[in-house]
Protein backbone atom coordinates (compact mmCIF):
# COMPACT_ATOMS: atom_id res chain seq x y z
CA MET A 1 -2.43 -83.28 -18.98
CA THR A 2 -1.93 -79.17 -19.05
CA ASP A 3 0.34 -78.07 -17.00
CA GLU A 4 -1.04 -76.19 -14.29
CA LEU A 5 -0.09 -74.47 -11.01
CA GLN A 6 -1.54 -76.47 -7.83
CA GLN A 7 -2.68 -74.09 -5.32
CA PRO A 8 -0.89 -74.76 -1.75
CA GLN A 9 -3.36 -75.44 1.13
CA ASP A 10 -1.19 -73.88 4.19
CA ALA A 11 1.96 -71.67 4.56
CA HIS A 12 4.29 -75.03 4.23
CA GLY A 13 3.17 -75.13 0.31
CA ILE A 14 4.10 -72.05 -0.23
CA ARG A 15 7.63 -73.14 0.18
CA LYS A 16 7.92 -74.82 -3.00
CA TYR A 17 6.73 -71.75 -5.41
CA ILE A 18 9.61 -70.07 -3.84
CA PRO A 19 11.97 -69.81 -6.94
CA LEU A 20 8.90 -69.27 -8.72
CA LEU A 21 8.26 -66.13 -6.94
CA VAL A 22 11.94 -64.92 -7.04
CA ILE A 23 12.02 -65.05 -10.89
CA LEU A 24 8.71 -63.39 -10.98
CA MET A 25 9.30 -60.24 -8.70
CA VAL A 26 12.60 -59.89 -10.57
CA GLY A 27 10.82 -59.60 -13.87
CA LEU A 28 8.26 -57.13 -12.06
CA PHE A 29 11.39 -55.07 -10.46
CA LEU A 30 12.99 -54.33 -13.73
CA ALA A 31 9.86 -53.18 -15.69
CA ILE A 32 8.40 -51.03 -12.46
CA LEU A 33 12.18 -49.78 -12.21
CA ASN A 34 12.42 -48.94 -15.89
CA GLN A 35 9.21 -46.05 -15.54
CA THR A 36 11.62 -44.01 -13.17
CA LEU A 37 14.99 -44.96 -14.41
CA LEU A 38 14.96 -42.21 -17.32
CA ASN A 39 13.71 -39.03 -15.62
CA VAL A 40 17.42 -38.38 -14.31
CA ALA A 41 18.87 -39.11 -17.69
CA ILE A 42 16.96 -36.74 -19.66
CA PRO A 43 19.27 -33.67 -19.87
CA HIS A 44 21.63 -36.12 -21.18
CA LEU A 45 19.48 -37.51 -24.00
CA ILE A 46 18.33 -33.82 -25.29
CA THR A 47 22.28 -33.13 -25.32
CA GLU A 48 23.12 -36.42 -27.22
CA PHE A 49 20.00 -36.84 -29.87
CA GLY A 50 19.65 -33.17 -30.16
CA VAL A 51 16.28 -32.43 -29.58
CA SER A 52 13.90 -30.36 -27.46
CA ALA A 53 13.23 -30.86 -23.94
CA ASN A 54 9.09 -31.45 -25.08
CA THR A 55 10.27 -33.99 -27.53
CA ALA A 56 12.60 -36.14 -25.15
CA GLN A 57 9.52 -35.92 -22.97
CA TRP A 58 7.90 -38.43 -24.89
CA LEU A 59 9.89 -41.05 -23.60
CA LEU A 60 8.61 -40.97 -20.22
CA THR A 61 5.01 -39.76 -21.39
CA GLY A 62 4.63 -42.51 -24.54
CA TYR A 63 5.83 -45.09 -22.03
CA MET A 64 3.19 -44.15 -19.42
CA LEU A 65 0.57 -44.07 -22.56
CA VAL A 66 1.23 -47.13 -23.72
CA ASN A 67 1.66 -48.71 -20.08
CA GLY A 68 -1.43 -47.48 -19.03
CA ALA A 69 -3.73 -48.41 -21.44
CA LEU A 70 -2.78 -51.80 -21.59
CA ILE A 71 -3.42 -52.20 -17.84
CA PRO A 72 -7.05 -53.01 -18.30
CA LEU A 73 -7.09 -55.15 -20.91
CA SER A 74 -4.57 -57.76 -18.80
CA PRO A 75 -7.83 -59.78 -17.53
CA PHE A 76 -8.92 -60.46 -21.28
CA LEU A 77 -5.22 -61.21 -22.02
CA ILE A 78 -4.52 -63.32 -18.77
CA GLU A 79 -7.83 -65.76 -20.03
CA ARG A 80 -7.41 -65.86 -23.53
CA PHE A 81 -3.52 -66.82 -23.57
CA ALA A 82 -3.12 -67.61 -19.85
CA VAL A 83 -0.24 -66.68 -17.54
CA ARG A 84 2.47 -68.92 -18.81
CA ARG A 85 2.68 -67.52 -22.46
CA LEU A 86 1.51 -64.09 -21.42
CA PHE A 87 4.51 -63.47 -18.85
CA LEU A 88 6.85 -64.52 -21.51
CA PHE A 89 5.87 -62.41 -24.23
CA ALA A 90 6.22 -59.69 -21.79
CA MET A 91 9.25 -60.19 -20.49
CA PHE A 92 10.37 -60.34 -24.27
CA CYS A 93 9.13 -57.25 -25.02
CA PHE A 94 10.47 -55.58 -22.42
CA THR A 95 14.00 -57.30 -22.70
CA LEU A 96 13.84 -56.35 -26.71
CA GLY A 97 12.94 -52.91 -25.87
CA SER A 98 15.86 -52.82 -23.17
CA LEU A 99 18.19 -53.65 -26.28
CA ILE A 100 17.12 -51.05 -29.04
CA CYS A 101 17.42 -48.21 -26.29
CA GLY A 102 20.70 -49.70 -24.96
CA ILE A 103 21.97 -49.39 -28.99
CA ALA A 104 20.21 -46.70 -29.95
CA THR A 105 21.73 -43.69 -31.99
CA GLY A 106 18.64 -41.52 -32.85
CA PHE A 107 15.83 -40.42 -31.06
CA PRO A 108 13.06 -42.53 -33.29
CA VAL A 109 14.73 -45.54 -32.40
CA MET A 110 15.49 -44.68 -28.80
CA LEU A 111 11.51 -44.24 -28.66
CA ILE A 112 10.58 -47.22 -30.14
CA GLY A 113 12.50 -49.06 -28.19
CA ARG A 114 10.37 -47.65 -25.05
CA LEU A 115 7.30 -48.35 -26.50
CA ILE A 116 8.08 -51.95 -26.82
CA GLN A 117 9.07 -52.24 -23.10
CA ALA A 118 6.09 -50.35 -22.33
CA VAL A 119 4.00 -53.51 -23.59
CA GLY A 120 5.98 -55.72 -21.57
CA GLY A 121 5.31 -53.36 -18.60
CA GLY A 122 1.52 -52.84 -19.02
CA VAL A 123 0.38 -56.08 -18.18
CA LEU A 124 3.31 -57.57 -15.88
CA ALA A 125 2.21 -55.99 -12.75
CA PRO A 126 -1.27 -57.30 -12.55
CA LEU A 127 -0.20 -60.32 -14.46
CA VAL A 128 2.01 -61.32 -11.68
CA MET A 129 -0.40 -59.68 -8.80
CA THR A 130 -2.93 -62.23 -10.15
CA ILE A 131 -0.50 -65.24 -9.82
CA ILE A 132 0.52 -64.12 -6.38
CA LEU A 133 -3.60 -64.22 -5.61
CA PHE A 134 -3.92 -67.75 -6.54
CA ILE A 135 -0.84 -69.05 -4.79
CA PHE A 136 -1.55 -67.75 -1.50
CA PRO A 137 -5.07 -68.23 0.11
CA PRO A 138 -6.57 -64.94 1.88
CA GLU A 139 -5.54 -66.17 5.33
CA ILE A 140 -1.98 -65.51 4.43
CA ARG A 141 -2.14 -63.79 1.51
CA GLY A 142 -0.58 -60.54 2.99
CA ARG A 143 2.23 -62.60 2.96
CA GLY A 144 2.16 -62.67 -0.91
CA MET A 145 1.24 -59.15 -1.36
CA GLY A 146 4.20 -57.95 1.09
CA ILE A 147 6.63 -59.82 -1.21
CA PHE A 148 4.47 -57.85 -4.49
CA GLY A 149 5.19 -54.54 -2.28
CA LEU A 150 9.10 -55.22 -2.63
CA ALA A 151 8.85 -54.68 -6.30
CA MET A 152 6.01 -52.50 -6.81
CA MET A 153 7.07 -49.58 -3.60
CA PHE A 154 10.72 -49.98 -4.04
CA ALA A 155 11.76 -49.92 -7.46
CA PRO A 156 10.40 -46.66 -8.46
CA ALA A 157 12.05 -44.96 -4.88
CA VAL A 158 15.30 -46.71 -6.05
CA GLY A 159 15.00 -45.44 -9.33
CA PRO A 160 16.50 -41.98 -9.62
CA THR A 161 19.43 -43.03 -7.03
CA LEU A 162 20.66 -45.74 -9.64
CA SER A 163 20.03 -43.57 -12.37
CA GLY A 164 21.82 -40.49 -11.05
CA TRP A 165 24.88 -43.21 -9.99
CA VAL A 166 24.89 -44.29 -13.38
CA VAL A 167 24.33 -40.96 -15.50
CA GLN A 168 27.23 -39.56 -12.67
CA ASN A 169 29.88 -42.03 -13.28
CA TYR A 170 29.26 -44.42 -16.78
CA ASP A 171 28.08 -43.93 -20.09
CA TRP A 172 23.71 -43.54 -19.84
CA HIS A 173 23.19 -46.55 -22.08
CA LEU A 174 24.03 -48.93 -19.01
CA LEU A 175 20.59 -47.68 -18.04
CA PHE A 176 19.08 -50.68 -20.46
CA THR A 177 21.87 -52.60 -21.77
CA GLY A 178 22.38 -53.37 -17.84
CA MET A 179 18.25 -54.79 -18.13
CA VAL A 180 19.10 -57.16 -21.27
CA PRO A 181 20.74 -59.65 -19.13
CA LEU A 182 18.86 -60.20 -16.46
CA GLY A 183 15.30 -59.85 -18.41
CA ALA A 184 17.36 -63.04 -20.04
CA ILE A 185 18.01 -64.89 -17.02
CA VAL A 186 14.01 -64.02 -16.16
CA LEU A 187 13.05 -65.29 -19.61
CA ILE A 188 15.11 -68.84 -19.22
CA PHE A 189 13.87 -69.22 -15.81
CA ALA A 190 9.97 -68.49 -16.41
CA PHE A 191 10.74 -70.82 -19.48
CA PHE A 192 11.60 -74.01 -17.55
CA ARG A 193 9.92 -73.26 -14.42
CA LEU A 194 6.18 -71.15 -15.22
CA ARG A 195 3.50 -72.84 -15.15
CA ASP A 196 -0.38 -71.50 -16.20
CA ILE A 197 -3.18 -71.10 -13.44
CA GLN A 198 -5.57 -72.35 -15.62
CA PRO A 199 -5.90 -73.24 -19.47
CA ALA A 200 -6.29 -70.58 -22.08
CA LYS A 201 -9.49 -70.20 -23.15
CA LYS A 202 -10.38 -69.12 -26.40
CA VAL A 203 -12.54 -65.84 -25.66
CA LYS A 204 -14.20 -63.58 -27.98
CA VAL A 205 -12.58 -60.50 -27.80
CA ASP A 206 -15.16 -57.39 -27.81
CA GLY A 207 -13.85 -55.01 -30.35
CA PRO A 208 -15.69 -51.59 -29.27
CA SER A 209 -14.59 -52.22 -25.43
CA VAL A 210 -11.08 -52.45 -27.22
CA VAL A 211 -11.17 -49.63 -28.32
CA THR A 212 -12.88 -47.68 -25.94
CA SER A 213 -10.50 -49.00 -23.49
CA LEU A 214 -7.69 -48.19 -25.19
CA ALA A 215 -8.24 -44.80 -26.30
CA GLY A 216 -9.95 -43.45 -23.23
CA MET A 217 -6.82 -44.59 -21.00
CA ALA A 218 -4.42 -43.13 -23.21
CA LEU A 219 -6.00 -39.68 -23.87
CA LEU A 220 -7.03 -39.45 -20.07
CA LEU A 221 -3.43 -40.27 -19.02
CA TYR A 222 -1.88 -37.62 -21.55
CA GLY A 223 -4.12 -35.16 -20.18
CA PHE A 224 -3.56 -35.30 -17.05
CA SER A 225 0.33 -35.70 -17.85
CA GLU A 226 0.48 -32.35 -19.83
CA ALA A 227 -2.08 -30.55 -17.35
CA GLY A 228 0.82 -30.14 -14.80
CA ASN A 229 2.69 -27.97 -17.47
CA ASP A 230 0.43 -26.32 -19.88
CA GLY A 231 -2.42 -25.78 -17.48
CA TRP A 232 -5.69 -27.18 -16.81
CA ASP A 233 -7.46 -24.76 -19.09
CA ASP A 234 -5.21 -25.57 -22.13
CA ALA A 235 -7.69 -26.35 -25.12
CA VAL A 236 -5.81 -29.37 -25.67
CA VAL A 237 -5.64 -30.90 -22.05
CA LEU A 238 -9.47 -30.04 -21.96
CA SER A 239 -10.07 -31.79 -24.96
CA THR A 240 -7.94 -34.89 -24.17
CA MET A 241 -9.25 -35.11 -20.82
CA ILE A 242 -13.07 -34.66 -22.14
CA GLY A 243 -12.51 -37.20 -24.69
CA GLY A 244 -10.81 -39.85 -22.66
CA ALA A 245 -13.35 -39.55 -19.84
CA VAL A 246 -16.33 -39.88 -22.81
CA LEU A 247 -14.86 -42.75 -23.91
CA LEU A 248 -13.88 -44.80 -20.54
CA ALA A 249 -17.69 -43.73 -20.02
CA ILE A 250 -18.80 -45.48 -23.28
CA PHE A 251 -16.29 -48.47 -22.00
CA VAL A 252 -18.03 -48.78 -18.50
CA ILE A 253 -21.53 -48.70 -19.54
CA ARG A 254 -20.59 -51.47 -22.00
CA GLN A 255 -18.91 -53.28 -19.72
CA LEU A 256 -22.21 -53.76 -17.68
CA ARG A 257 -24.29 -54.79 -20.64
CA ILE A 258 -22.23 -57.58 -22.10
CA GLU A 259 -22.12 -60.99 -20.98
CA LYS A 260 -18.45 -61.25 -20.87
CA PRO A 261 -16.80 -57.91 -19.90
CA LEU A 262 -13.47 -57.10 -20.57
CA LEU A 263 -13.15 -55.73 -17.03
CA ASP A 264 -16.02 -56.13 -15.12
CA MET A 265 -16.98 -53.25 -13.43
CA ARG A 266 -19.34 -55.35 -11.07
CA ILE A 267 -16.42 -55.48 -8.27
CA PHE A 268 -17.16 -52.56 -7.51
CA LYS A 269 -20.39 -53.85 -5.59
CA TYR A 270 -17.85 -55.08 -2.93
CA SER A 271 -17.96 -52.58 -0.97
CA ILE A 272 -13.94 -53.10 1.21
CA PHE A 273 -12.82 -53.44 -2.22
CA SER A 274 -14.21 -50.34 -3.30
CA LEU A 275 -13.20 -48.43 -0.43
CA SER A 276 -9.64 -49.68 -0.59
CA SER A 277 -9.61 -48.26 -4.28
CA VAL A 278 -10.23 -45.06 -2.80
CA ILE A 279 -8.02 -45.24 -0.12
CA ASN A 280 -5.06 -46.30 -2.52
CA VAL A 281 -5.81 -43.38 -5.06
CA VAL A 282 -5.23 -41.06 -2.29
CA LEU A 283 -2.30 -42.65 -0.58
CA THR A 284 -0.91 -42.95 -4.47
CA ILE A 285 -1.18 -38.91 -4.72
CA SER A 286 0.27 -38.30 -1.73
CA LEU A 287 3.38 -40.67 -2.06
CA PHE A 288 3.79 -38.85 -5.66
CA SER A 289 3.66 -35.69 -4.36
CA GLY A 290 6.97 -36.23 -2.02
CA MET A 291 8.83 -38.20 -4.91
CA PHE A 292 8.10 -35.23 -6.98
CA LEU A 293 8.73 -32.12 -4.56
CA LEU A 294 11.93 -33.27 -2.77
CA PRO A 295 13.89 -33.66 -5.83
CA ILE A 296 12.84 -30.16 -7.06
CA TYR A 297 13.39 -28.69 -3.84
CA LEU A 298 17.09 -30.30 -3.64
CA GLN A 299 18.38 -29.78 -6.89
CA THR A 300 16.67 -26.29 -8.48
CA ILE A 301 16.48 -24.32 -4.75
CA ARG A 302 19.28 -25.65 -2.91
CA GLY A 303 21.96 -26.34 -5.66
CA TYR A 304 22.21 -30.70 -4.71
CA SER A 305 23.51 -32.99 -7.48
CA PRO A 306 20.66 -35.26 -9.02
CA LEU A 307 23.05 -37.93 -6.94
CA ASP A 308 22.96 -36.22 -4.25
CA SER A 309 18.87 -35.86 -4.46
CA GLY A 310 18.86 -39.41 -5.48
CA LEU A 311 20.51 -40.43 -2.65
CA LEU A 312 18.33 -38.47 -0.11
CA LEU A 313 15.10 -41.27 -1.11
CA LEU A 314 17.46 -44.12 -1.23
CA PRO A 315 17.14 -44.94 2.67
CA GLY A 316 13.32 -44.48 2.46
CA ALA A 317 13.71 -46.70 -0.22
CA LEU A 318 15.56 -49.42 2.12
CA ILE A 319 13.18 -48.84 4.96
CA MET A 320 10.08 -49.92 2.21
CA LEU A 321 12.25 -53.58 1.13
CA VAL A 322 12.81 -54.15 4.96
CA MET A 323 8.96 -53.40 5.79
CA SER A 324 6.97 -54.34 2.91
CA PRO A 325 7.15 -58.37 3.98
CA VAL A 326 6.94 -57.41 7.54
CA SER A 327 3.50 -55.51 6.81
CA GLY A 328 2.37 -58.37 4.85
CA THR A 329 2.97 -60.58 7.99
CA LEU A 330 1.23 -58.24 10.38
CA PHE A 331 -1.31 -57.93 7.80
CA ASP A 332 -2.45 -61.67 8.34
CA LYS A 333 -2.05 -61.68 12.02
CA ILE A 334 -4.22 -58.29 12.71
CA GLY A 335 -5.74 -57.44 9.42
CA PRO A 336 -5.83 -54.01 7.77
CA ARG A 337 -7.53 -51.77 10.04
CA PRO A 338 -4.70 -50.97 12.52
CA LEU A 339 -2.09 -51.24 9.66
CA ALA A 340 -3.69 -48.66 7.97
CA ILE A 341 -4.66 -46.05 10.98
CA PHE A 342 -1.34 -46.41 11.75
CA GLY A 343 0.56 -46.02 8.83
CA MET A 344 -1.62 -43.20 7.53
CA ALA A 345 -1.30 -41.21 10.82
CA ILE A 346 2.87 -41.59 10.33
CA THR A 347 2.21 -40.30 6.78
CA THR A 348 -0.09 -37.67 7.78
CA ALA A 349 2.04 -36.16 10.37
CA THR A 350 5.70 -36.34 8.16
CA THR A 351 3.80 -34.72 5.18
CA TYR A 352 3.12 -31.74 7.29
CA TYR A 353 6.56 -31.42 8.48
CA PHE A 354 7.17 -31.13 5.41
CA THR A 355 5.22 -28.03 4.84
CA LYS A 356 8.29 -26.16 6.87
CA LEU A 357 11.25 -26.15 4.37
CA THR A 358 13.37 -23.42 4.18
CA MET A 359 16.81 -22.44 2.89
CA ASP A 360 18.41 -23.78 5.80
CA THR A 361 16.70 -26.96 6.34
CA PRO A 362 19.17 -29.64 7.05
CA TYR A 363 20.19 -32.21 4.50
CA SER A 364 19.95 -34.81 7.35
CA PHE A 365 16.55 -33.80 8.72
CA ILE A 366 15.23 -34.16 5.23
CA VAL A 367 16.89 -37.59 4.87
CA MET A 368 15.79 -38.73 8.53
CA LEU A 369 11.57 -37.16 7.89
CA TYR A 370 11.56 -39.23 4.33
CA MET A 371 12.83 -42.28 6.09
CA PHE A 372 9.89 -42.08 8.45
CA ARG A 373 7.25 -41.29 5.80
CA MET A 374 7.95 -44.03 3.66
CA PHE A 375 8.34 -46.30 7.06
CA GLY A 376 4.54 -45.29 7.56
CA MET A 377 3.53 -45.69 4.13
CA SER A 378 5.18 -49.80 4.27
CA PHE A 379 1.89 -50.30 6.33
CA LEU A 380 -0.68 -49.28 3.76
CA MET A 381 -0.02 -49.57 0.32
CA MET A 382 0.04 -53.71 -0.37
CA PRO A 383 -2.06 -54.07 2.79
CA ILE A 384 -4.99 -51.81 1.90
CA MET A 385 -4.74 -53.30 -1.66
CA THR A 386 -4.97 -56.90 -0.23
CA ALA A 387 -8.06 -55.96 1.76
CA GLY A 388 -9.85 -54.89 -1.09
CA LEU A 389 -8.63 -57.85 -3.32
CA ASN A 390 -9.61 -60.60 -0.48
CA GLN A 391 -13.34 -59.71 -0.53
CA LEU A 392 -13.31 -60.06 -4.37
CA PRO A 393 -14.47 -63.80 -5.35
CA LYS A 394 -11.38 -66.13 -7.11
CA HIS A 395 -13.04 -65.49 -10.64
CA LEU A 396 -13.19 -61.87 -10.36
CA SER A 397 -9.47 -61.66 -8.98
CA SER A 398 -7.39 -61.06 -12.32
CA HIS A 399 -10.14 -57.96 -13.14
CA GLY A 400 -9.65 -56.63 -9.28
CA THR A 401 -5.60 -56.55 -9.55
CA SER A 402 -6.17 -54.99 -13.25
CA MET A 403 -8.45 -52.36 -11.49
CA SER A 404 -6.09 -51.69 -8.86
CA ASN A 405 -3.00 -50.87 -11.09
CA THR A 406 -5.57 -49.02 -13.68
CA LEU A 407 -6.29 -46.88 -10.69
CA ARG A 408 -2.52 -46.78 -9.30
CA GLN A 409 -1.31 -45.25 -12.88
CA VAL A 410 -4.27 -42.70 -13.52
CA SER A 411 -3.81 -41.35 -9.41
CA GLY A 412 -0.12 -41.42 -10.34
CA SER A 413 -0.77 -39.29 -13.27
CA ILE A 414 -3.40 -36.80 -11.25
CA GLY A 415 -1.07 -36.48 -8.49
CA ILE A 416 1.73 -35.18 -10.24
CA SER A 417 -0.31 -33.00 -12.33
CA LEU A 418 -2.00 -31.71 -9.14
CA ILE A 419 0.85 -31.12 -6.92
CA THR A 420 2.68 -29.43 -10.36
CA THR A 421 -0.33 -27.29 -10.76
CA ILE A 422 -0.67 -26.33 -6.95
CA PHE A 423 3.75 -25.68 -6.73
CA THR A 424 3.35 -23.47 -9.59
CA ASN A 425 0.17 -21.22 -9.15
CA ARG A 426 1.45 -20.82 -5.42
CA THR A 427 4.99 -19.64 -6.45
CA THR A 428 3.63 -17.34 -8.87
CA PHE A 429 1.20 -16.38 -6.04
CA HIS A 430 4.01 -15.55 -3.26
CA MET A 431 6.51 -13.88 -6.13
CA ASN A 432 3.94 -11.23 -6.60
CA GLU A 433 3.77 -10.66 -3.41
CA MET A 434 7.33 -10.26 -2.66
CA GLU A 435 7.39 -8.25 -5.68
CA GLY A 436 4.43 -5.68 -4.20
CA ALA A 437 6.61 -5.51 -1.04
CA MET A 438 9.36 -4.06 -3.23
CA ASN A 439 7.72 -0.69 -3.73
CA THR A 440 10.05 1.73 -4.65
CA ALA A 441 7.60 4.77 -3.25
CA ASP A 442 8.05 2.93 0.12
CA PRO A 443 10.65 5.04 1.93
CA PHE A 444 10.90 2.05 4.40
CA PHE A 445 12.05 -0.47 1.98
CA MET A 446 14.03 2.65 -0.43
CA ALA A 447 16.06 2.90 3.08
CA SER A 448 16.83 -0.95 3.79
CA PHE A 449 17.61 -1.22 -0.19
CA HIS A 450 20.53 1.56 -0.01
CA GLU A 451 21.82 -0.18 3.10
CA PHE A 452 21.86 -3.23 0.86
CA VAL A 453 23.01 -1.14 -1.95
CA GLN A 454 26.22 -0.05 0.59
CA LYS A 455 26.83 -3.27 2.15
CA VAL A 456 27.47 -5.28 -1.49
CA ALA A 457 29.74 -2.15 -2.89
CA MET A 458 31.84 -2.46 0.38
CA THR A 459 32.06 -6.49 0.19
CA LEU A 460 32.54 -7.07 -3.35
CA HIS A 461 34.43 -3.50 -3.91
CA LEU A 462 32.20 -2.03 -6.59
CA PRO A 463 30.86 1.67 -7.29
CA VAL A 464 27.62 2.06 -6.18
CA SER A 465 26.32 2.43 -9.83
CA GLN A 466 27.27 -1.66 -10.11
CA ALA A 467 26.51 -2.70 -6.74
CA GLN A 468 22.98 -1.41 -7.24
CA SER A 469 22.24 -3.52 -10.59
CA GLN A 470 24.18 -6.67 -8.05
CA ALA A 471 21.80 -5.88 -5.66
CA VAL A 472 18.43 -5.99 -7.49
CA GLN A 473 19.98 -9.20 -9.58
CA LEU A 474 20.79 -10.93 -5.62
CA LEU A 475 17.20 -9.56 -4.55
CA ALA A 476 15.32 -11.37 -7.49
CA GLY A 477 17.51 -14.31 -7.06
CA ARG A 478 16.33 -14.54 -2.98
CA ALA A 479 12.76 -13.99 -3.92
CA SER A 480 12.50 -16.60 -6.29
CA GLN A 481 14.01 -19.13 -3.91
CA GLN A 482 11.37 -17.85 -1.33
CA SER A 483 8.41 -18.15 -3.24
CA SER A 484 9.59 -21.79 -5.03
CA ILE A 485 10.36 -22.84 -1.21
CA ALA A 486 6.63 -21.20 -0.03
CA GLY A 487 5.13 -23.12 -3.08
CA ILE A 488 6.64 -26.06 -2.28
CA ASN A 489 5.47 -25.75 1.39
CA ASP A 490 2.11 -25.15 0.17
CA ALA A 491 2.12 -28.21 -2.11
CA PHE A 492 2.95 -30.39 1.01
CA ILE A 493 0.23 -28.53 3.05
CA TRP A 494 -2.16 -29.77 0.62
CA SER A 495 -0.86 -33.18 0.28
CA THR A 496 -1.34 -33.36 4.01
CA VAL A 497 -5.01 -32.81 4.07
CA ILE A 498 -5.24 -35.33 1.06
CA SER A 499 -3.37 -37.67 3.50
CA ALA A 500 -5.62 -36.92 6.14
CA ILE A 501 -8.40 -37.69 4.08
CA GLY A 502 -6.84 -41.43 3.95
CA LEU A 503 -6.39 -41.33 7.81
CA VAL A 504 -10.16 -40.72 8.14
CA LEU A 505 -11.14 -43.31 5.35
CA SER A 506 -9.07 -46.01 6.93
CA ILE A 507 -11.29 -45.89 10.02
CA PHE A 508 -14.13 -47.88 8.07
CA LEU A 509 -12.02 -50.88 6.62
CA ARG A 510 -12.78 -53.80 8.03
CA ASP A 511 -10.70 -57.80 7.87
CA VAL A 512 -12.80 -59.58 5.10
CA ARG A 513 -11.79 -62.99 6.11
CA LYS A 514 -13.68 -62.82 9.05
CA ASP A 515 -16.88 -62.53 7.19
CA LYS A 516 -15.86 -65.52 5.16
CA ALA A 517 -15.15 -67.41 8.16
CA ASN A 518 -18.63 -66.62 9.11
CA VAL A 519 -20.86 -67.84 6.26
CA SER A 520 -22.94 -70.91 6.58
CA ALA A 521 -21.72 -74.36 5.58
CA PRO A 522 -24.17 -74.71 2.92
CA GLU A 523 -23.31 -71.09 1.56
CA GLN A 524 -19.98 -71.82 1.80
CA LYS A 525 -20.66 -75.12 -0.19
CA LYS A 526 -22.44 -72.98 -3.00
CA GLU A 527 -19.21 -70.99 -3.42
CA GLU A 528 -16.87 -73.90 -3.52
CA VAL A 529 -19.09 -74.78 -6.03
CA LEU A 530 -19.25 -72.10 -8.15
CA LEU A 531 -15.05 -71.26 -8.06
CA LEU A 532 -14.02 -75.10 -9.26
CA PRO A 533 -11.13 -74.38 -11.49
CA ALA A 534 -11.96 -75.84 -14.74
CA PRO A 535 -11.74 -79.76 -15.60
CA LYS A 536 -8.25 -80.50 -16.88
CA ASN A 537 -7.12 -81.88 -20.07
CA VAL A 538 -6.18 -85.31 -20.50
CA SER A 539 -3.82 -86.31 -23.32
């Protein structure tokens, strides 16, 4: 017979899958951790390889493009190759890419290693989520998605801290060579323990769908990733975003017309799945705003080291680690709406308090505030996603997981670009305001300026002419600091508004498991017939 996983009927049946879940989570954790691990090490790689910052950035951009472009293909890949072969292939690519990066002596080799890693990482998240949806029936699926959230939420939060610690105390190569033995262990264990949910099917690939999906996602993600740096009106940014949007529109139209779609867009006919998808987009943008803005505030403005900046995020990551399974269990007991409203209220309130940062804001206060923010978010990401996926019939599960991960990837890129643009524009606005206030024709300003020059001359024991030059530099530095802080505060105001939108939308969530419980017997029987697994092959 074909080796297939047998779906458990209750919570007790889940226990035999615990070793398998552990190994799946370790593999997924490594892949997601790898996305944020390199951020802190980029300055070292620029020096090591003698490349520009824009060139080095391709180690992040290239990974994101390959990773994001492959996610929409995962339903077809799961159906064509089945979960066992696909998981082994993904982990092999990730481990091989890590080895190449770990021994790289030049930038081209390093980039090749990152792209090979991305091939594995692109299918792991939707693949593992599909396995979890199969193992956990809807009535206890919150626990399964809570376990899934351990990797999805904890890995990107702990990445900067781990990376800063390694770069500060060891050689950067350890970021990749350390992945190799862990990846090998996952591969060996999965080879012996992982079985297919259902047999592989010889489905025909639709060439135009593959081309438009890959090219459209890559162009769109590239456009969003560059928009924050080059501006939304940049010719390259506009052309890639428009080109990507057009190709994806063609992809969507084709999926609605062909008999076997690569990614079934009919999943959006299910109202709660559509609503949960919108809320998760909002939530991802809000999440990335904090993860992006706080390191800038701490390192660039306050002068903290990358390790200290990463350590600030660590307690919040640990809270996510503890609370993710708890929120999953609560989901199974009380449903999504109370959790979503509670979590979004905390997230919105704590995001608002981040709009009041100054040069004197205590480090401990920021740590506590970020911890509360992560506490609120621990009730959101996985429970809301689970609420939507629970509404989908079993044959659309892989399409739902793929779409959820695609939207997460796209909204993450949009969030960073949007927040970067707001921060940059508002910083420039505040800087112009401050420069306008330093008007030499204003007698009040000149009086205070001369007084400041005298204080500088007395403090540094300098002649007035030198003290005046020093005073100008000090004022310019202060203006730059204050305008940057004001820009960060303004960006957090927008993030607060986005979180508030998510709070309002959360009110309309409902527990679709109650809908299924009210289905009449004939309808239930009909659904069971439609969702019967494929017959097993007898050897």
